[in-house]
């Protein structure tokens, strides 16, 4: 069953990761899908809150679920969460790169 400790661990494993390669790990996808499926069953409202907090596209989610009714909803949602986290990492890296362009001159 979903608990605060499970949620904290999941958030640490998935939402706070900085290394995109870690997010592609099949074990993380499966673990996240398992937790999502549990939320679907026991606390759907909490799942909706998490998806909102992570900023997963509701439209994209609805389309994927409708187009793939025979697939595991947890895996579909987990994939979207991971995709969104990768987008955030890429965006963050771009902002950092643009704020601190490499230069041959020393920074004072």
PDB file of N, CA and C in Angstrom:
ATOM      1  N   UNK A   1       0.829  -1.187   0.000  1.00  0.00           N
ATOM      2  CA  UNK A   1       0.000   0.000   0.000  1.00  0.00           C
ATOM      3  C   UNK A   1       0.872   1.249   0.000  1.00  0.00           C
ATOM      4  N   UNK A   2       0.396   2.288  -0.616  1.00  0.00           N
ATOM      5  CA  UNK A   2       1.125   3.540  -0.730  1.00  0.00           C
ATOM      6  C   UNK A   2       1.182   4.195   0.641  1.00  0.00           C
ATOM      7  N   UNK A   3       2.376   4.627   1.021  1.00  0.00           N
ATOM      8  CA  UNK A   3       2.537   5.328   2.292  1.00  0.00           C
ATOM      9  C   UNK A   3       3.457   6.511   2.089  1.00  0.00           C
ATOM     10  N   UNK A   4       3.550   7.345   3.104  1.00  0.00           N
ATOM     11  CA  UNK A   4       4.421   8.515   3.010  1.00  0.00           C
ATOM     12  C   UNK A   4       5.862   8.119   2.778  1.00  0.00           C
ATOM     13  N   UNK A   5       6.324   7.033   3.407  1.00  0.00           N
ATOM     14  CA  UNK A   5       7.713   6.610   3.201  1.00  0.00           C
ATOM     15  C   UNK A   5       7.918   6.103   1.782  1.00  0.00           C
ATOM     16  N   UNK A   6       6.939   5.377   1.251  1.00  0.00           N
ATOM     17  CA  UNK A   6       7.032   4.934  -0.148  1.00  0.00           C
ATOM     18  C   UNK A   6       7.050   6.133  -1.082  1.00  0.00           C
ATOM     19  N   UNK A   7       6.200   7.095  -0.811  1.00  0.00           N
ATOM     20  CA  UNK A   7       6.128   8.285  -1.653  1.00  0.00           C
ATOM     21  C   UNK A   7       7.455   9.037  -1.603  1.00  0.00           C
ATOM     22  N   UNK A   8       8.001   9.212  -0.421  1.00  0.00           N
ATOM     23  CA  UNK A   8       9.269   9.930  -0.288  1.00  0.00           C
ATOM     24  C   UNK A   8      10.373   9.211  -1.052  1.00  0.00           C
ATOM     25  N   UNK A   9      10.445   7.894  -0.909  1.00  0.00           N
ATOM     26  CA  UNK A   9      11.472   7.125  -1.606  1.00  0.00           C
ATOM     27  C   UNK A   9      11.291   7.243  -3.116  1.00  0.00           C
ATOM     28  N   UNK A  10      10.066   7.123  -3.581  1.00  0.00           N
ATOM     29  CA  UNK A  10       9.787   7.231  -5.010  1.00  0.00           C
ATOM     30  C   UNK A  10      10.176   8.610  -5.535  1.00  0.00           C
ATOM     31  N   UNK A  11       9.797   9.637  -4.804  1.00  0.00           N
ATOM     32  CA  UNK A  11      10.143  10.983  -5.236  1.00  0.00           C
ATOM     33  C   UNK A  11      11.651  11.180  -5.268  1.00  0.00           C
ATOM     34  N   UNK A  12      12.345  10.623  -4.294  1.00  0.00           N
ATOM     35  CA  UNK A  12      13.805  10.722  -4.298  1.00  0.00           C
ATOM     36  C   UNK A  12      14.400  10.000  -5.499  1.00  0.00           C
ATOM     37  N   UNK A  13      13.868   8.821  -5.815  1.00  0.00           N
ATOM     38  CA  UNK A  13      14.407   8.016  -6.904  1.00  0.00           C
ATOM     39  C   UNK A  13      14.105   8.602  -8.274  1.00  0.00           C
ATOM     40  N   UNK A  14      12.947   9.192  -8.435  1.00  0.00           N
ATOM     41  CA  UNK A  14      12.522   9.613  -9.765  1.00  0.00           C
ATOM     42  C   UNK A  14      12.500  11.122  -9.955  1.00  0.00           C
ATOM     43  N   UNK A  15      11.977  11.844  -9.002  1.00  0.00           N
ATOM     44  CA  UNK A  15      11.761  13.264  -9.213  1.00  0.00           C
ATOM     45  C   UNK A  15      12.983  14.124  -8.928  1.00  0.00           C
ATOM     46  N   UNK A  16      13.931  13.600  -8.183  1.00  0.00           N
ATOM     47  CA  UNK A  16      15.080  14.395  -7.789  1.00  0.00           C
ATOM     48  C   UNK A  16      16.330  13.983  -8.554  1.00  0.00           C
ATOM     49  N   UNK A  17      16.241  12.965  -9.354  1.00  0.00           N
ATOM     50  CA  UNK A  17      17.412  12.505 -10.084  1.00  0.00           C
ATOM     51  C   UNK A  17      17.908  13.567 -11.046  1.00  0.00           C
ATOM     52  N   UNK A  18      19.208  13.687 -11.136  1.00  0.00           N
ATOM     53  CA  UNK A  18      19.816  14.659 -12.025  1.00  0.00           C
ATOM     54  C   UNK A  18      20.409  13.997 -13.266  1.00  0.00           C
ATOM     55  N   UNK A  19      20.629  12.708 -13.207  1.00  0.00           N
ATOM     56  CA  UNK A  19      21.298  12.001 -14.287  1.00  0.00           C
ATOM     57  C   UNK A  19      20.258  11.349 -15.204  1.00  0.00           C
ATOM     58  N   UNK A  20      20.100  11.822 -16.443  1.00  0.00           N
ATOM     59  CA  UNK A  20      19.088  11.264 -17.347  1.00  0.00           C
ATOM     60  C   UNK A  20      19.220   9.764 -17.573  1.00  0.00           C
ATOM     61  N   UNK A  21      20.445   9.237 -17.517  1.00  0.00           N
ATOM     62  CA  UNK A  21      20.622   7.804 -17.724  1.00  0.00           C
ATOM     63  C   UNK A  21      19.912   7.008 -16.627  1.00  0.00           C
ATOM     64  N   UNK A  22      19.874   7.548 -15.409  1.00  0.00           N
ATOM     65  CA  UNK A  22      19.187   6.877 -14.316  1.00  0.00           C
ATOM     66  C   UNK A  22      17.691   6.766 -14.584  1.00  0.00           C
ATOM     67  N   UNK A  23      17.136   7.770 -15.240  1.00  0.00           N
ATOM     68  CA  UNK A  23      15.700   7.769 -15.499  1.00  0.00           C
ATOM     69  C   UNK A  23      15.303   6.771 -16.586  1.00  0.00           C
ATOM     70  N   UNK A  24      16.261   6.331 -17.381  1.00  0.00           N
ATOM     71  CA  UNK A  24      15.957   5.383 -18.446  1.00  0.00           C
ATOM     72  C   UNK A  24      15.999   3.941 -17.947  1.00  0.00           C
ATOM     73  N   UNK A  25      16.414   3.750 -16.729  1.00  0.00           N
ATOM     74  CA  UNK A  25      16.559   2.426 -16.164  1.00  0.00           C
ATOM     75  C   UNK A  25      15.203   1.710 -16.104  1.00  0.00           C
ATOM     76  N   UNK A  26      15.155   0.524 -16.682  1.00  0.00           N
ATOM     77  CA  UNK A  26      13.917  -0.263 -16.736  1.00  0.00           C
ATOM     78  C   UNK A  26      13.388  -0.599 -15.339  1.00  0.00           C
ATOM     79  N   UNK A  27      14.298  -0.786 -14.384  1.00  0.00           N
ATOM     80  CA  UNK A  27      13.865  -1.079 -13.015  1.00  0.00           C
ATOM     81  C   UNK A  27      13.089   0.076 -12.414  1.00  0.00           C
ATOM     82  N   UNK A  28      13.542   1.292 -12.681  1.00  0.00           N
ATOM     83  CA  UNK A  28      12.831   2.463 -12.168  1.00  0.00           C
ATOM     84  C   UNK A  28      11.464   2.575 -12.835  1.00  0.00           C
ATOM     85  N   UNK A  29      11.414   2.350 -14.141  1.00  0.00           N
ATOM     86  CA  UNK A  29      10.132   2.382 -14.850  1.00  0.00           C
ATOM     87  C   UNK A  29       9.160   1.375 -14.240  1.00  0.00           C
ATOM     88  N   UNK A  30       9.627   0.156 -14.020  1.00  0.00           N
ATOM     89  CA  UNK A  30       8.753  -0.880 -13.466  1.00  0.00           C
ATOM     90  C   UNK A  30       8.319  -0.569 -12.037  1.00  0.00           C
ATOM     91  N   UNK A  31       9.242  -0.064 -11.221  1.00  0.00           N
ATOM     92  CA  UNK A  31       8.914   0.288  -9.836  1.00  0.00           C
ATOM     93  C   UNK A  31       7.905   1.424  -9.813  1.00  0.00           C
ATOM     94  N   UNK A  32       8.140   2.420 -10.634  1.00  0.00           N
ATOM     95  CA  UNK A  32       7.227   3.551 -10.706  1.00  0.00           C
ATOM     96  C   UNK A  32       5.847   3.096 -11.192  1.00  0.00           C
ATOM     97  N   UNK A  33       5.816   2.243 -12.205  1.00  0.00           N
ATOM     98  CA  UNK A  33       4.541   1.718 -12.720  1.00  0.00           C
ATOM     99  C   UNK A  33       3.789   0.951 -11.636  1.00  0.00           C
ATOM    100  N   UNK A  34       4.516   0.179 -10.856  1.00  0.00           N
ATOM    101  CA  UNK A  34       3.906  -0.586  -9.755  1.00  0.00           C
ATOM    102  C   UNK A  34       3.271   0.355  -8.730  1.00  0.00           C
ATOM    103  N   UNK A  35       3.996   1.395  -8.354  1.00  0.00           N
ATOM    104  CA  UNK A  35       3.469   2.361  -7.383  1.00  0.00           C
ATOM    105  C   UNK A  35       2.273   3.117  -7.957  1.00  0.00           C
ATOM    106  N   UNK A  36       2.338   3.455  -9.232  1.00  0.00           N
ATOM    107  CA  UNK A  36       1.225   4.158  -9.871  1.00  0.00           C
ATOM    108  C   UNK A  36      -0.015   3.273  -9.913  1.00  0.00           C
ATOM    109  N   UNK A  37       0.163   2.018 -10.270  1.00  0.00           N
ATOM    110  CA  UNK A  37      -0.979   1.097 -10.287  1.00  0.00           C
ATOM    111  C   UNK A  37      -1.599   0.966  -8.900  1.00  0.00           C
ATOM    112  N   UNK A  38      -0.765   0.990  -7.870  1.00  0.00           N
ATOM    113  CA  UNK A  38      -1.279   0.932  -6.505  1.00  0.00           C
ATOM    114  C   UNK A  38      -2.089   2.196  -6.197  1.00  0.00           C
ATOM    115  N   UNK A  39      -1.577   3.333  -6.630  1.00  0.00           N
ATOM    116  CA  UNK A  39      -2.316   4.584  -6.418  1.00  0.00           C
ATOM    117  C   UNK A  39      -3.642   4.581  -7.172  1.00  0.00           C
ATOM    118  N   UNK A  40      -3.647   4.037  -8.378  1.00  0.00           N
ATOM    119  CA  UNK A  40      -4.896   3.949  -9.151  1.00  0.00           C
ATOM    120  C   UNK A  40      -5.951   3.204  -8.347  1.00  0.00           C
ATOM    121  N   UNK A  41      -5.524   2.154  -7.666  1.00  0.00           N
ATOM    122  CA  UNK A  41      -6.452   1.322  -6.905  1.00  0.00           C
ATOM    123  C   UNK A  41      -6.874   1.921  -5.567  1.00  0.00           C
ATOM    124  N   UNK A  42      -5.940   2.553  -4.853  1.00  0.00           N
ATOM    125  CA  UNK A  42      -6.245   2.938  -3.473  1.00  0.00           C
ATOM    126  C   UNK A  42      -6.318   4.442  -3.217  1.00  0.00           C
ATOM    127  N   UNK A  43      -5.719   5.253  -4.078  1.00  0.00           N
ATOM    128  CA  UNK A  43      -5.722   6.694  -3.824  1.00  0.00           C
ATOM    129  C   UNK A  43      -5.548   7.460  -5.134  1.00  0.00           C
ATOM    130  N   UNK A  44      -6.557   7.365  -5.967  1.00  0.00           N
ATOM    131  CA  UNK A  44      -6.497   7.988  -7.288  1.00  0.00           C
ATOM    132  C   UNK A  44      -6.297   9.503  -7.190  1.00  0.00           C
ATOM    133  N   UNK A  45      -6.932  10.117  -6.199  1.00  0.00           N
ATOM    134  CA  UNK A  45      -6.797  11.557  -6.026  1.00  0.00           C
ATOM    135  C   UNK A  45      -5.334  11.948  -5.793  1.00  0.00           C
ATOM    136  N   UNK A  46      -4.611  11.150  -5.025  1.00  0.00           N
ATOM    137  CA  UNK A  46      -3.191  11.424  -4.768  1.00  0.00           C
ATOM    138  C   UNK A  46      -2.384  11.311  -6.066  1.00  0.00           C
ATOM    139  N   UNK A  47      -2.717  10.339  -6.894  1.00  0.00           N
ATOM    140  CA  UNK A  47      -2.048  10.196  -8.188  1.00  0.00           C
ATOM    141  C   UNK A  47      -2.257  11.442  -9.032  1.00  0.00           C
ATOM    142  N   UNK A  48      -3.470  11.930  -9.078  1.00  0.00           N
ATOM    143  CA  UNK A  48      -3.777  13.131  -9.858  1.00  0.00           C
ATOM    144  C   UNK A  48      -2.968  14.314  -9.330  1.00  0.00           C
ATOM    145  N   UNK A  49      -2.861  14.425  -8.007  1.00  0.00           N
ATOM    146  CA  UNK A  49      -2.071  15.503  -7.406  1.00  0.00           C
ATOM    147  C   UNK A  49      -0.597  15.398  -7.813  1.00  0.00           C
ATOM    148  N   UNK A  50      -0.061  14.189  -7.788  1.00  0.00           N
ATOM    149  CA  UNK A  50       1.339  13.987  -8.171  1.00  0.00           C
ATOM    150  C   UNK A  50       1.566  14.332  -9.638  1.00  0.00           C
ATOM    151  N   UNK A  51       0.650  13.901 -10.496  1.00  0.00           N
ATOM    152  CA  UNK A  51       0.787  14.197 -11.923  1.00  0.00           C
ATOM    153  C   UNK A  51       0.726  15.698 -12.168  1.00  0.00           C
ATOM    154  N   UNK A  52      -0.121  16.381 -11.418  1.00  0.00           N
ATOM    155  CA  UNK A  52      -0.205  17.836 -11.530  1.00  0.00           C
ATOM    156  C   UNK A  52       1.100  18.470 -11.053  1.00  0.00           C
ATOM    157  N   UNK A  53       1.611  17.994  -9.929  1.00  0.00           N
ATOM    158  CA  UNK A  53       2.851  18.538  -9.368  1.00  0.00           C
ATOM    159  C   UNK A  53       4.036  18.333 -10.323  1.00  0.00           C
ATOM    160  N   UNK A  54       4.076  17.176 -10.960  1.00  0.00           N
ATOM    161  CA  UNK A  54       5.165  16.863 -11.889  1.00  0.00           C
ATOM    162  C   UNK A  54       4.963  17.585 -13.216  1.00  0.00           C
ATOM    163  N   UNK A  55       3.741  17.997 -13.485  1.00  0.00           N
ATOM    164  CA  UNK A  55       3.384  18.721 -14.699  1.00  0.00           C
ATOM    165  C   UNK A  55       3.329  17.798 -15.918  1.00  0.00           C
ATOM    166  N   UNK A  56       2.702  16.638 -15.723  1.00  0.00           N
ATOM    167  CA  UNK A  56       2.473  15.716 -16.835  1.00  0.00           C
ATOM    168  C   UNK A  56       1.275  16.229 -17.625  1.00  0.00           C
ATOM    169  N   UNK A  57       1.390  16.225 -18.941  1.00  0.00           N
ATOM    170  CA  UNK A  57       0.326  16.717 -19.805  1.00  0.00           C
ATOM    171  C   UNK A  57      -0.924  15.832 -19.689  1.00  0.00           C
ATOM    172  N   UNK A  58      -1.996  16.435 -19.203  1.00  0.00           N
ATOM    173  CA  UNK A  58      -3.254  15.706 -19.060  1.00  0.00           C
ATOM    174  C   UNK A  58      -3.786  15.263 -20.423  1.00  0.00           C
ATOM    175  N   UNK A  59      -3.674  16.131 -21.404  1.00  0.00           N
ATOM    176  CA  UNK A  59      -4.149  15.809 -22.753  1.00  0.00           C
ATOM    177  C   UNK A  59      -3.380  14.618 -23.323  1.00  0.00           C
ATOM    178  N   UNK A  60      -2.058  14.654 -23.204  1.00  0.00           N
ATOM    179  CA  UNK A  60      -1.229  13.572 -23.725  1.00  0.00           C
ATOM    180  C   UNK A  60      -1.551  12.258 -23.015  1.00  0.00           C
ATOM    181  N   UNK A  61      -1.740  12.332 -21.700  1.00  0.00           N
ATOM    182  CA  UNK A  61      -2.078  11.141 -20.923  1.00  0.00           C
ATOM    183  C   UNK A  61      -3.404  10.548 -21.378  1.00  0.00           C
ATOM    184  N   UNK A  62      -4.409  11.386 -21.522  1.00  0.00           N
ATOM    185  CA  UNK A  62      -5.722  10.904 -21.960  1.00  0.00           C
ATOM    186  C   UNK A  62      -5.643  10.241 -23.337  1.00  0.00           C
ATOM    187  N   UNK A  63      -4.895  10.859 -24.253  1.00  0.00           N
ATOM    188  CA  UNK A  63      -4.761  10.309 -25.601  1.00  0.00           C
ATOM    189  C   UNK A  63      -4.076   8.947 -25.556  1.00  0.00           C
ATOM    190  N   UNK A  64      -2.959   8.865 -24.825  1.00  0.00           N
ATOM    191  CA  UNK A  64      -2.216   7.598 -24.754  1.00  0.00           C
ATOM    192  C   UNK A  64      -3.041   6.491 -24.111  1.00  0.00           C
ATOM    193  N   UNK A  65      -3.768   6.815 -23.050  1.00  0.00           N
ATOM    194  CA  UNK A  65      -4.600   5.798 -22.396  1.00  0.00           C
ATOM    195  C   UNK A  65      -5.727   5.335 -23.326  1.00  0.00           C
ATOM    196  N   UNK A  66      -6.308   6.275 -24.064  1.00  0.00           N
ATOM    197  CA  UNK A  66      -7.392   5.927 -24.991  1.00  0.00           C
ATOM    198  C   UNK A  66      -6.873   5.084 -26.159  1.00  0.00           C
ATOM    199  N   UNK A  67      -5.684   5.434 -26.671  1.00  0.00           N
ATOM    200  CA  UNK A  67      -5.121   4.725 -27.817  1.00  0.00           C
ATOM    201  C   UNK A  67      -4.531   3.361 -27.447  1.00  0.00           C
ATOM    202  N   UNK A  68      -4.270   3.135 -26.172  1.00  0.00           N
ATOM    203  CA  UNK A  68      -3.629   1.896 -25.720  1.00  0.00           C
ATOM    204  C   UNK A  68      -4.394   1.252 -24.565  1.00  0.00           C
ATOM    205  N   UNK A  69      -5.672   0.921 -24.781  1.00  0.00           N
ATOM    206  CA  UNK A  69      -6.482   0.400 -23.674  1.00  0.00           C
ATOM    207  C   UNK A  69      -6.021  -0.956 -23.151  1.00  0.00           C
ATOM    208  N   UNK A  70      -5.247  -1.696 -23.954  1.00  0.00           N
ATOM    209  CA  UNK A  70      -4.809  -3.027 -23.546  1.00  0.00           C
ATOM    210  C   UNK A  70      -3.448  -3.004 -22.840  1.00  0.00           C
ATOM    211  N   UNK A  71      -2.838  -1.821 -22.727  1.00  0.00           N
ATOM    212  CA  UNK A  71      -1.528  -1.726 -22.076  1.00  0.00           C
ATOM    213  C   UNK A  71      -1.678  -1.321 -20.616  1.00  0.00           C
ATOM    214  N   UNK A  72      -0.649  -1.610 -19.835  1.00  0.00           N
ATOM    215  CA  UNK A  72      -0.611  -1.285 -18.417  1.00  0.00           C
ATOM    216  C   UNK A  72      -0.625   0.234 -18.236  1.00  0.00           C
ATOM    217  N   UNK A  73      -1.693   0.749 -17.628  1.00  0.00           N
ATOM    218  CA  UNK A  73      -1.824   2.192 -17.417  1.00  0.00           C
ATOM    219  C   UNK A  73      -0.676   2.720 -16.563  1.00  0.00           C
ATOM    220  N   UNK A  74      -0.231   1.937 -15.596  1.00  0.00           N
ATOM    221  CA  UNK A  74       0.878   2.358 -14.750  1.00  0.00           C
ATOM    222  C   UNK A  74       2.143   2.608 -15.547  1.00  0.00           C
ATOM    223  N   UNK A  75       2.416   1.741 -16.514  1.00  0.00           N
ATOM    224  CA  UNK A  75       3.614   1.927 -17.345  1.00  0.00           C
ATOM    225  C   UNK A  75       3.478   3.130 -18.273  1.00  0.00           C
ATOM    226  N   UNK A  76       2.283   3.350 -18.786  1.00  0.00           N
ATOM    227  CA  UNK A  76       2.059   4.516 -19.635  1.00  0.00           C
ATOM    228  C   UNK A  76       2.301   5.787 -18.828  1.00  0.00           C
ATOM    229  N   UNK A  77       1.734   5.844 -17.641  1.00  0.00           N
ATOM    230  CA  UNK A  77       1.890   7.022 -16.787  1.00  0.00           C
ATOM    231  C   UNK A  77       3.336   7.170 -16.350  1.00  0.00           C
ATOM    232  N   UNK A  78       3.978   6.073 -15.984  1.00  0.00           N
ATOM    233  CA  UNK A  78       5.390   6.116 -15.568  1.00  0.00           C
ATOM    234  C   UNK A  78       6.260   6.647 -16.702  1.00  0.00           C
ATOM    235  N   UNK A  79       5.996   6.211 -17.911  1.00  0.00           N
ATOM    236  CA  UNK A  79       6.767   6.689 -19.065  1.00  0.00           C
ATOM    237  C   UNK A  79       6.600   8.186 -19.259  1.00  0.00           C
ATOM    238  N   UNK A  80       5.382   8.676 -19.067  1.00  0.00           N
ATOM    239  CA  UNK A  80       5.144  10.116 -19.197  1.00  0.00           C
ATOM    240  C   UNK A  80       5.843  10.901 -18.091  1.00  0.00           C
ATOM    241  N   UNK A  81       5.858  10.359 -16.886  1.00  0.00           N
ATOM    242  CA  UNK A  81       6.557  11.019 -15.777  1.00  0.00           C
ATOM    243  C   UNK A  81       8.047  11.103 -16.083  1.00  0.00           C
ATOM    244  N   UNK A  82       8.614  10.003 -16.533  1.00  0.00           N
ATOM    245  CA  UNK A  82      10.042   9.979 -16.854  1.00  0.00           C
ATOM    246  C   UNK A  82      10.340  10.934 -18.011  1.00  0.00           C
ATOM    247  N   UNK A  83       9.495  10.914 -19.028  1.00  0.00           N
ATOM    248  CA  UNK A  83       9.667  11.830 -20.155  1.00  0.00           C
ATOM    249  C   UNK A  83       9.658  13.281 -19.683  1.00  0.00           C
ATOM    250  N   UNK A  84       8.728  13.603 -18.788  1.00  0.00           N
ATOM    251  CA  UNK A  84       8.631  14.980 -18.280  1.00  0.00           C
ATOM    252  C   UNK A  84       9.868  15.342 -17.465  1.00  0.00           C
ATOM    253  N   UNK A  85      10.347  14.419 -16.659  1.00  0.00           N
ATOM    254  CA  UNK A  85      11.539  14.689 -15.859  1.00  0.00           C
ATOM    255  C   UNK A  85      12.759  14.909 -16.766  1.00  0.00           C
ATOM    256  N   UNK A  86      12.857  14.139 -17.827  1.00  0.00           N
ATOM    257  CA  UNK A  86      13.956  14.329 -18.770  1.00  0.00           C
ATOM    258  C   UNK A  86      13.869  15.698 -19.440  1.00  0.00           C
ATOM    259  N   UNK A  87      12.656  16.134 -19.753  1.00  0.00           N
ATOM    260  CA  UNK A  87      12.468  17.461 -20.338  1.00  0.00           C
ATOM    261  C   UNK A  87      12.937  18.541 -19.362  1.00  0.00           C
ATOM    262  N   UNK A  88      12.597  18.357 -18.082  1.00  0.00           N
ATOM    263  CA  UNK A  88      12.999  19.334 -17.071  1.00  0.00           C
ATOM    264  C   UNK A  88      14.516  19.389 -16.934  1.00  0.00           C
ATOM    265  N   UNK A  89      15.160  18.234 -16.955  1.00  0.00           N
ATOM    266  CA  UNK A  89      16.619  18.174 -16.849  1.00  0.00           C
ATOM    267  C   UNK A  89      17.253  18.878 -18.039  1.00  0.00           C
ATOM    268  N   UNK A  90      16.730  18.590 -19.228  1.00  0.00           N
ATOM    269  CA  UNK A  90      17.265  19.217 -20.437  1.00  0.00           C
ATOM    270  C   UNK A  90      17.098  20.731 -20.378  1.00  0.00           C
ATOM    271  N   UNK A  91      15.934  21.172 -19.955  1.00  0.00           N
ATOM    272  CA  UNK A  91      15.669  22.603 -19.849  1.00  0.00           C
ATOM    273  C   UNK A  91      16.591  23.257 -18.828  1.00  0.00           C
ATOM    274  N   UNK A  92      16.770  22.604 -17.704  1.00  0.00           N
ATOM    275  CA  UNK A  92      17.661  23.135 -16.665  1.00  0.00           C
ATOM    276  C   UNK A  92      19.090  23.245 -17.192  1.00  0.00           C
ATOM    277  N   UNK A  93      19.555  22.213 -17.863  1.00  0.00           N
ATOM    278  CA  UNK A  93      20.905  22.229 -18.414  1.00  0.00           C
ATOM    279  C   UNK A  93      21.071  23.334 -19.455  1.00  0.00           C
ATOM    280  N   UNK A  94      20.038  23.570 -20.266  1.00  0.00           N
ATOM    281  CA  UNK A  94      20.087  24.640 -21.258  1.00  0.00           C
ATOM    282  C   UNK A  94      20.157  26.007 -20.585  1.00  0.00           C
ATOM    283  N   UNK A  95      19.367  26.187 -19.524  1.00  0.00           N
ATOM    284  CA  UNK A  95      19.403  27.465 -18.798  1.00  0.00           C
ATOM    285  C   UNK A  95      20.786  27.708 -18.208  1.00  0.00           C
ATOM    286  N   UNK A  96      21.365  26.678 -17.616  1.00  0.00           N
ATOM    287  CA  UNK A  96      22.697  26.804 -17.024  1.00  0.00           C
ATOM    288  C   UNK A  96      23.718  27.140 -18.107  1.00  0.00           C
ATOM    289  N   UNK A  97      23.619  26.446 -19.220  1.00  0.00           N
ATOM    290  CA  UNK A  97      24.546  26.671 -20.334  1.00  0.00           C
ATOM    291  C   UNK A  97      24.435  28.102 -20.849  1.00  0.00           C
ATOM    292  N   UNK A  98      23.210  28.611 -20.959  1.00  0.00           N
ATOM    293  CA  UNK A  98      22.992  29.965 -21.459  1.00  0.00           C
ATOM    294  C   UNK A  98      23.409  31.033 -20.455  1.00  0.00           C
ATOM    295  N   UNK A  99      23.318  30.718 -19.176  1.00  0.00           N
ATOM    296  CA  UNK A  99      23.718  31.676 -18.150  1.00  0.00           C
ATOM    297  C   UNK A  99      25.226  31.750 -17.997  1.00  0.00           C
ATOM    298  N   UNK A 100      25.897  30.636 -18.263  1.00  0.00           N
ATOM    299  CA  UNK A 100      27.335  30.560 -18.080  1.00  0.00           C
ATOM    300  C   UNK A 100      28.005  30.002 -19.336  1.00  0.00           C
ATOM    301  N   UNK A 101      27.958  30.755 -20.428  1.00  0.00           N
ATOM    302  CA  UNK A 101      28.597  30.228 -21.643  1.00  0.00           C
ATOM    303  C   UNK A 101      30.095  30.058 -21.417  1.00  0.00           C
ATOM    304  N   UNK A 102      30.601  28.972 -21.957  1.00  0.00           N
ATOM    305  CA  UNK A 102      32.029  28.720 -21.808  1.00  0.00           C
ATOM    306  C   UNK A 102      32.810  29.794 -22.544  1.00  0.00           C
ATOM    307  N   UNK A 103      33.886  30.180 -21.933  1.00  0.00           N
ATOM    308  CA  UNK A 103      34.702  31.228 -22.508  1.00  0.00           C
ATOM    309  C   UNK A 103      36.150  30.954 -22.165  1.00  0.00           C
ATOM    310  N   UNK A 104      37.034  31.440 -22.994  1.00  0.00           N
ATOM    311  CA  UNK A 104      38.450  31.289 -22.734  1.00  0.00           C
ATOM    312  C   UNK A 104      38.946  32.286 -21.694  1.00  0.00           C
ATOM    313  N   UNK A 105      38.140  33.300 -21.431  1.00  0.00           N
ATOM    314  CA  UNK A 105      38.514  34.309 -20.442  1.00  0.00           C
ATOM    315  C   UNK A 105      38.156  33.810 -19.053  1.00  0.00           C
ATOM    316  N   UNK A 106      38.980  34.202 -18.088  1.00  0.00           N
ATOM    317  CA  UNK A 106      38.691  33.828 -16.709  1.00  0.00           C
ATOM    318  C   UNK A 106      37.514  34.647 -16.203  1.00  0.00           C
ATOM    319  N   UNK A 107      36.683  33.982 -15.419  1.00  0.00           N
ATOM    320  CA  UNK A 107      35.567  34.699 -14.796  1.00  0.00           C
ATOM    321  C   UNK A 107      36.094  35.391 -13.546  1.00  0.00           C
ATOM    322  N   UNK A 108      35.726  36.650 -13.358  1.00  0.00           N
ATOM    323  CA  UNK A 108      36.183  37.396 -12.189  1.00  0.00           C
ATOM    324  C   UNK A 108      35.094  37.392 -11.229  1.00  0.00           C
TER     325      UNK A 108
END
